[in-house]
Protein backbone atom coordinates (compact mmCIF):
# COMPACT_ATOMS: atom_id res chain seq x y z
CA MET A 1 54.56 -28.46 62.09
CA ARG A 2 52.79 -25.26 61.15
CA TRP A 3 55.98 -23.18 61.51
CA TRP A 4 57.61 -25.29 58.76
CA LYS A 5 54.99 -23.97 56.37
CA TRP A 6 55.91 -20.38 57.29
CA ILE A 7 59.61 -21.08 56.81
CA GLY A 8 58.88 -22.60 53.43
CA LEU A 9 56.75 -19.64 52.36
CA ALA A 10 59.42 -17.19 53.52
CA GLY A 11 62.05 -19.10 51.52
CA LEU A 12 59.86 -19.09 48.44
CA ALA A 13 59.26 -15.35 48.78
CA GLY A 14 63.01 -14.79 49.10
CA VAL A 15 63.73 -16.76 45.92
CA ALA A 16 61.05 -14.84 44.03
CA ALA A 17 62.37 -11.48 45.24
CA THR A 18 65.91 -12.42 44.20
CA GLY A 19 64.66 -13.32 40.74
CA VAL A 20 62.87 -10.00 40.38
CA VAL A 21 65.98 -8.04 41.35
CA THR A 22 68.14 -10.07 38.96
CA VAL A 23 65.80 -9.52 36.03
CA ARG A 24 65.54 -5.79 36.74
CA ASP A 25 69.33 -5.39 36.90
CA GLU A 26 69.78 -7.33 33.67
CA ARG A 27 67.27 -5.06 31.90
CA LYS A 28 69.19 -2.00 33.07
CA ARG A 29 72.45 -3.50 31.79
CA ARG A 30 71.03 -4.28 28.37
CA ALA A 31 69.65 -0.75 27.97
CA TYR A 32 73.15 0.65 27.35
CA THR A 33 74.53 0.93 23.84
CA PRO A 34 78.01 -0.49 23.20
CA ASP A 35 79.41 3.04 22.95
CA GLU A 36 77.92 3.96 26.33
CA ILE A 37 79.43 0.85 27.91
CA ARG A 38 82.84 1.60 26.41
CA THR A 39 82.72 5.19 27.66
CA ARG A 40 81.69 4.10 31.14
CA LEU A 41 84.47 1.52 31.32
CA HIS A 42 87.06 4.07 30.20
CA ASP A 43 85.80 6.52 32.82
CA ARG A 44 85.97 3.90 35.56
CA ALA A 45 89.49 2.89 34.51
CA ALA A 46 90.60 6.52 34.60
CA GLN A 47 89.11 6.97 38.07
CA ALA A 48 90.88 3.85 39.29
CA ARG A 49 94.21 5.12 37.95
CA ASP A 50 93.67 8.49 39.65
CA ARG A 51 92.91 6.83 42.99
CA ARG A 52 96.18 4.92 42.91
CA ARG A 53 98.19 8.13 42.73
């Protein structure tokens, strides 16, 4: 039964790592001002239009 403990610990570590990545990404997203977000979205839309041609 000892291997069940290792599987449980590995699962717990995976959940914790996922939470850390999620929080870090959310912080990066919130660091943008609304004007920066708007500009980035317009740039991405323009790139998408150019790729279609």
